[in-house]
């Protein structure tokens, strides 16, 4: 949208999101983490939507930068991004409440996986790629203990390489509306979709490596490998949960195929290390 020769970005949300969007914006301001400014914020009760007019940032995404820069420069920008994210750790929350809600979510996700697998076996048109879901869920619950070695913190919720922009050597975080208190590694639950395939995977991995080093103080411990393994299984379970809502069996076939390859490649993440982290 253009107004007074100024370009803006408009986003529309379902339901009344005024309170949480204001709260999330206040956190970024308090911690001095750059993000798009909000110029207008309104709830339209008649349509049950919240409309937000954001500053439009004419910059390049981290993904675009991976095509332009050297591996060292990419990792350096990643470190800067991770240092900003580390500021979230200063915020306090009700740890017991966050863990309790997360335990409930995990339980429902696992129940849903078994339900959808049974549903597909009864209604699908072909055989799904083989995934040992008993083994997968067992490993998932085992790796959960590594998540709980860190304290819950505020997270952006979706740090992928399209949700961070650079302009005039400054970094800006966008799509911040999903921010919440959780575990910091869950900000990266989608990395299996961004860094496992393609000609550019080495540079994309370098960007994430830098982000992780910036977040963790330049030291990536062995336990972080287990945390990442947990997040990738978590992502798989979330994708299956989406299928439960639509009963799109073709989509389920794709998800089993995509993640089945990952689980086979990593031996279900048992004793697996992400070599590119170091």
Protein backbone atom coordinates (compact mmCIF):
# COMPACT_ATOMS: atom_id res chain seq x y z
CA UNK A 1 0.00 0.00 0.00
CA UNK A 2 1.21 3.52 -0.85
CA UNK A 3 0.24 6.68 1.08
CA UNK A 4 1.92 10.08 0.95
CA UNK A 5 4.65 8.50 -1.19
CA UNK A 6 5.34 6.06 1.63
CA UNK A 7 5.08 2.30 1.16
CA UNK A 8 3.38 0.19 3.84
CA UNK A 9 2.66 -3.47 4.47
CA UNK A 10 -0.84 -4.52 5.54
CA UNK A 11 -1.57 -7.74 7.39
CA UNK A 12 -5.02 -9.04 8.36
CA UNK A 13 -5.56 -11.47 11.23
CA UNK A 14 -8.63 -13.42 12.25
CA UNK A 15 -10.21 -12.52 15.61
CA UNK A 16 -9.31 -9.71 18.00
CA UNK A 17 -5.50 -9.68 18.15
CA UNK A 18 -5.07 -6.15 19.52
CA UNK A 19 -3.81 -7.12 22.96
CA UNK A 20 -1.23 -9.73 21.96
CA UNK A 21 0.11 -7.77 18.97
CA UNK A 22 0.64 -4.72 21.20
CA UNK A 23 2.30 -6.92 23.81
CA UNK A 24 4.66 -8.56 21.32
CA UNK A 25 5.57 -5.17 19.83
CA UNK A 26 6.33 -3.84 23.33
CA UNK A 27 8.79 -6.71 23.92
CA UNK A 28 10.76 -5.92 20.77
CA UNK A 29 10.86 -2.25 21.76
CA UNK A 30 11.89 -3.01 25.35
CA UNK A 31 14.77 -5.23 24.23
CA UNK A 32 15.68 -2.93 21.33
CA UNK A 33 15.31 -5.70 18.79
CA UNK A 34 14.61 -4.07 15.40
CA UNK A 35 11.32 -4.92 13.71
CA UNK A 36 8.81 -3.24 11.40
CA UNK A 37 7.05 -0.29 13.04
CA UNK A 38 3.29 -0.40 13.48
CA UNK A 39 1.50 2.65 12.08
CA UNK A 40 -2.11 1.56 12.49
CA UNK A 41 -3.77 -1.21 14.48
CA UNK A 42 -7.54 -1.74 14.46
CA UNK A 43 -10.06 -4.44 15.23
CA UNK A 44 -13.21 -4.61 13.05
CA UNK A 45 -15.83 -6.37 15.11
CA UNK A 46 -18.27 -6.69 12.20
CA UNK A 47 -15.80 -8.88 10.28
CA UNK A 48 -13.95 -10.24 13.34
CA UNK A 49 -10.57 -9.26 11.92
CA UNK A 50 -7.59 -7.29 13.15
CA UNK A 51 -5.85 -5.08 10.61
CA UNK A 52 -2.26 -3.94 11.07
CA UNK A 53 -0.41 -1.43 8.90
CA UNK A 54 3.32 -2.05 9.20
CA UNK A 55 6.33 -0.18 7.97
CA UNK A 56 7.53 -1.66 4.68
CA UNK A 57 11.23 -2.45 4.91
CA UNK A 58 13.02 -2.37 1.57
CA UNK A 59 15.70 -4.89 2.36
CA UNK A 60 17.04 -8.32 1.54
CA UNK A 61 16.09 -11.47 3.38
CA UNK A 62 18.75 -13.68 4.89
CA UNK A 63 17.88 -16.22 2.23
CA UNK A 64 18.61 -13.70 -0.54
CA UNK A 65 21.92 -12.81 1.12
CA UNK A 66 23.04 -16.44 0.95
CA UNK A 67 23.14 -16.00 -2.83
CA UNK A 68 25.31 -12.86 -2.65
CA UNK A 69 27.90 -13.32 0.11
CA UNK A 70 30.83 -15.50 1.09
CA UNK A 71 30.45 -18.21 3.71
CA UNK A 72 32.31 -16.08 6.29
CA UNK A 73 30.12 -13.02 5.70
CA UNK A 74 27.00 -15.18 5.82
CA UNK A 75 28.01 -16.70 9.15
CA UNK A 76 28.85 -13.26 10.57
CA UNK A 77 25.38 -11.93 9.71
CA UNK A 78 23.91 -15.06 11.23
CA UNK A 79 25.83 -14.42 14.47
CA UNK A 80 24.45 -10.89 14.64
CA UNK A 81 20.94 -12.27 14.18
CA UNK A 82 21.49 -14.85 16.93
CA UNK A 83 22.80 -12.21 19.35
CA UNK A 84 19.56 -10.27 18.97
CA UNK A 85 17.56 -13.43 19.65
CA UNK A 86 19.64 -14.09 22.78
CA UNK A 87 18.15 -10.92 24.31
CA UNK A 88 14.86 -12.78 24.74
CA UNK A 89 16.53 -14.89 27.44
CA UNK A 90 16.38 -11.94 29.84
CA UNK A 91 12.57 -12.19 30.01
CA UNK A 92 11.01 -14.22 32.80
CA UNK A 93 7.93 -16.43 32.58
CA UNK A 94 5.97 -19.04 34.53
CA UNK A 95 8.20 -22.03 33.77
CA UNK A 96 5.84 -24.64 35.24
CA UNK A 97 2.92 -23.32 33.18
CA UNK A 98 4.92 -23.33 29.93
CA UNK A 99 6.09 -26.92 30.52
CA UNK A 100 2.60 -28.09 31.50
CA UNK A 101 1.05 -26.65 28.34
CA UNK A 102 3.84 -28.10 26.22
CA UNK A 103 3.37 -31.55 27.74
CA UNK A 104 -0.33 -31.39 26.85
CA UNK A 105 0.52 -30.37 23.29
CA UNK A 106 3.04 -33.20 22.88
CA UNK A 107 0.54 -35.76 24.15
CA UNK A 108 -2.11 -34.57 21.68
CA UNK A 109 0.35 -34.51 18.77
CA UNK A 110 1.40 -38.12 19.39
CA UNK A 111 -2.22 -39.27 19.75
CA UNK A 112 -3.05 -37.47 16.52
CA UNK A 113 -0.20 -39.18 14.64
CA UNK A 114 -1.51 -42.63 15.53
CA UNK A 115 -5.07 -41.59 14.70
CA UNK A 116 -4.11 -40.20 11.29
CA UNK A 117 -1.96 -43.20 10.44
CA UNK A 118 -4.92 -45.47 11.18
CA UNK A 119 -7.24 -43.15 9.25
CA UNK A 120 -4.96 -43.22 6.20
CA UNK A 121 -4.57 -47.02 6.33
CA UNK A 122 -8.35 -47.27 6.10
CA UNK A 123 -8.96 -44.53 3.51
CA UNK A 124 -5.73 -43.96 1.56
CA UNK A 125 -5.14 -45.02 -2.02
CA UNK A 126 -1.54 -46.18 -1.73
CA UNK A 127 0.98 -47.31 0.84
CA UNK A 128 2.65 -44.57 2.87
CA UNK A 129 6.43 -44.37 2.99
CA UNK A 130 7.46 -46.53 5.91
CA UNK A 131 8.06 -44.63 9.14
CA UNK A 132 8.42 -46.61 12.36
CA UNK A 133 6.16 -44.33 14.39
CA UNK A 134 6.65 -46.31 17.61
CA UNK A 135 10.39 -45.78 17.37
CA UNK A 136 9.94 -42.18 16.30
CA UNK A 137 7.67 -41.30 19.21
CA UNK A 138 9.96 -43.08 21.66
CA UNK A 139 12.94 -41.04 20.45
CA UNK A 140 10.84 -37.87 20.49
CA UNK A 141 9.97 -38.37 24.15
CA UNK A 142 13.60 -39.23 24.95
CA UNK A 143 14.94 -36.06 23.28
CA UNK A 144 12.39 -33.98 25.16
CA UNK A 145 14.62 -34.08 28.25
CA UNK A 146 17.22 -32.04 26.36
CA UNK A 147 14.65 -29.35 25.67
CA UNK A 148 13.98 -29.07 29.39
CA UNK A 149 17.65 -28.47 30.22
CA UNK A 150 17.08 -24.88 29.07
CA UNK A 151 14.65 -22.44 30.66
CA UNK A 152 11.60 -21.32 28.68
CA UNK A 153 11.98 -17.91 27.10
CA UNK A 154 10.21 -15.63 24.69
CA UNK A 155 10.61 -16.71 21.05
CA UNK A 156 9.83 -15.23 17.65
CA UNK A 157 8.28 -18.64 16.83
CA UNK A 158 9.40 -18.92 13.21
CA UNK A 159 12.99 -17.91 12.54
CA UNK A 160 13.44 -18.94 8.96
CA UNK A 161 15.61 -17.15 6.44
CA UNK A 162 12.67 -15.21 4.97
CA UNK A 163 11.60 -13.70 8.30
CA UNK A 164 14.78 -11.67 8.88
CA UNK A 165 15.65 -8.71 6.67
CA UNK A 166 18.76 -6.58 6.32
CA UNK A 167 18.77 -2.94 5.23
CA UNK A 168 21.71 -0.53 5.40
CA UNK A 169 23.68 -3.12 7.42
CA UNK A 170 20.87 -3.34 10.00
CA UNK A 171 18.83 -6.43 10.83
CA UNK A 172 15.03 -6.43 11.16
CA UNK A 173 12.72 -9.22 12.30
CA UNK A 174 9.36 -9.53 10.56
CA UNK A 175 6.28 -11.77 10.99
CA UNK A 176 6.66 -11.36 14.73
CA UNK A 177 2.95 -11.79 15.53
CA UNK A 178 3.33 -15.43 16.65
CA UNK A 179 5.76 -14.62 19.45
CA UNK A 180 5.21 -16.45 22.73
CA UNK A 181 6.97 -18.00 25.72
CA UNK A 182 8.39 -21.42 24.89
CA UNK A 183 11.83 -23.00 24.37
CA UNK A 184 14.34 -21.12 22.21
CA UNK A 185 15.22 -24.07 19.96
CA UNK A 186 11.58 -24.27 18.83
CA UNK A 187 12.20 -21.04 16.92
CA UNK A 188 14.01 -23.25 14.39
CA UNK A 189 11.59 -26.16 13.97
CA UNK A 190 11.47 -25.67 10.20
CA UNK A 191 15.17 -25.99 9.38
CA UNK A 192 14.63 -29.42 7.83
CA UNK A 193 12.69 -27.67 5.06
CA UNK A 194 15.39 -25.07 4.44
CA UNK A 195 18.77 -26.69 4.74
CA UNK A 196 18.62 -30.35 3.80
CA UNK A 197 18.26 -30.13 0.04
CA UNK A 198 19.21 -27.96 -2.91
CA UNK A 199 22.33 -26.46 -4.46
CA UNK A 200 22.42 -23.63 -1.90
CA UNK A 201 22.19 -25.78 1.22
CA UNK A 202 25.82 -25.15 2.26
CA UNK A 203 25.25 -21.39 2.46
CA UNK A 204 21.86 -21.76 4.13
CA UNK A 205 23.45 -24.03 6.72
CA UNK A 206 26.20 -21.42 7.24
CA UNK A 207 23.53 -18.81 8.03
CA UNK A 208 21.86 -21.05 10.60
CA UNK A 209 25.26 -22.04 12.02
CA UNK A 210 25.97 -18.36 12.59
CA UNK A 211 22.55 -17.79 14.16
CA UNK A 212 23.06 -20.69 16.56
CA UNK A 213 26.55 -19.47 17.52
CA UNK A 214 25.21 -15.97 18.17
CA UNK A 215 22.36 -17.35 20.24
CA UNK A 216 24.52 -19.76 22.24
CA UNK A 217 27.58 -17.58 22.81
CA UNK A 218 29.70 -19.03 19.99
CA UNK A 219 29.59 -22.51 21.54
CA UNK A 220 27.22 -25.16 20.20
CA UNK A 221 27.09 -28.00 22.75
CA UNK A 222 26.39 -31.62 21.90
CA UNK A 223 22.99 -31.39 23.60
CA UNK A 224 21.91 -28.86 20.97
CA UNK A 225 22.10 -31.61 18.35
CA UNK A 226 19.49 -33.50 20.38
CA UNK A 227 17.37 -30.38 20.72
CA UNK A 228 17.36 -29.89 16.95
CA UNK A 229 16.45 -33.54 16.44
CA UNK A 230 13.47 -32.98 18.72
CA UNK A 231 12.35 -29.93 16.73
CA UNK A 232 12.40 -31.77 13.41
CA UNK A 233 10.22 -34.57 14.78
CA UNK A 234 8.04 -31.86 16.33
CA UNK A 235 7.67 -30.24 12.91
CA UNK A 236 6.62 -33.57 11.43
CA UNK A 237 3.94 -33.97 14.10
CA UNK A 238 2.67 -30.43 13.50
CA UNK A 239 2.35 -31.14 9.78
CA UNK A 240 0.34 -34.28 10.51
CA UNK A 241 -1.88 -32.24 12.83
CA UNK A 242 -2.62 -29.90 9.92
CA UNK A 243 -3.64 -32.89 7.81
CA UNK A 244 -6.03 -33.99 10.55
CA UNK A 245 -7.92 -30.73 10.08
CA UNK A 246 -8.25 -31.10 6.30
CA UNK A 247 -8.07 -34.89 5.81
CA UNK A 248 -5.94 -34.14 2.72
CA UNK A 249 -4.47 -37.60 2.19
CA UNK A 250 -2.26 -36.51 -0.72
CA UNK A 251 -0.66 -34.01 1.63
CA UNK A 252 -0.09 -36.76 4.17
CA UNK A 253 1.63 -38.89 1.53
CA UNK A 254 3.98 -35.99 0.77
CA UNK A 255 4.78 -35.37 4.46
CA UNK A 256 5.53 -39.06 5.10
CA UNK A 257 7.73 -39.14 2.00
CA UNK A 258 9.65 -35.97 2.89
CA UNK A 259 10.20 -36.77 6.55
CA UNK A 260 10.62 -40.48 5.96
CA UNK A 261 13.74 -39.70 3.95
CA UNK A 262 15.06 -37.53 6.78
CA UNK A 263 14.38 -40.14 9.46
CA UNK A 264 16.04 -42.86 7.40
CA UNK A 265 19.04 -40.67 6.59
CA UNK A 266 19.59 -39.86 10.27
CA UNK A 267 18.72 -43.28 11.72
CA UNK A 268 15.84 -41.53 13.49
CA UNK A 269 18.43 -39.16 14.97
CA UNK A 270 19.89 -41.83 17.24
CA UNK A 271 23.49 -40.75 17.93
CA UNK A 272 23.18 -38.33 15.01
CA UNK A 273 25.24 -35.15 14.80
CA UNK A 274 24.63 -32.21 12.49
CA UNK A 275 28.12 -31.97 11.02
CA UNK A 276 27.48 -28.54 9.54
CA UNK A 277 26.93 -26.97 12.98
CA UNK A 278 30.67 -26.76 13.63
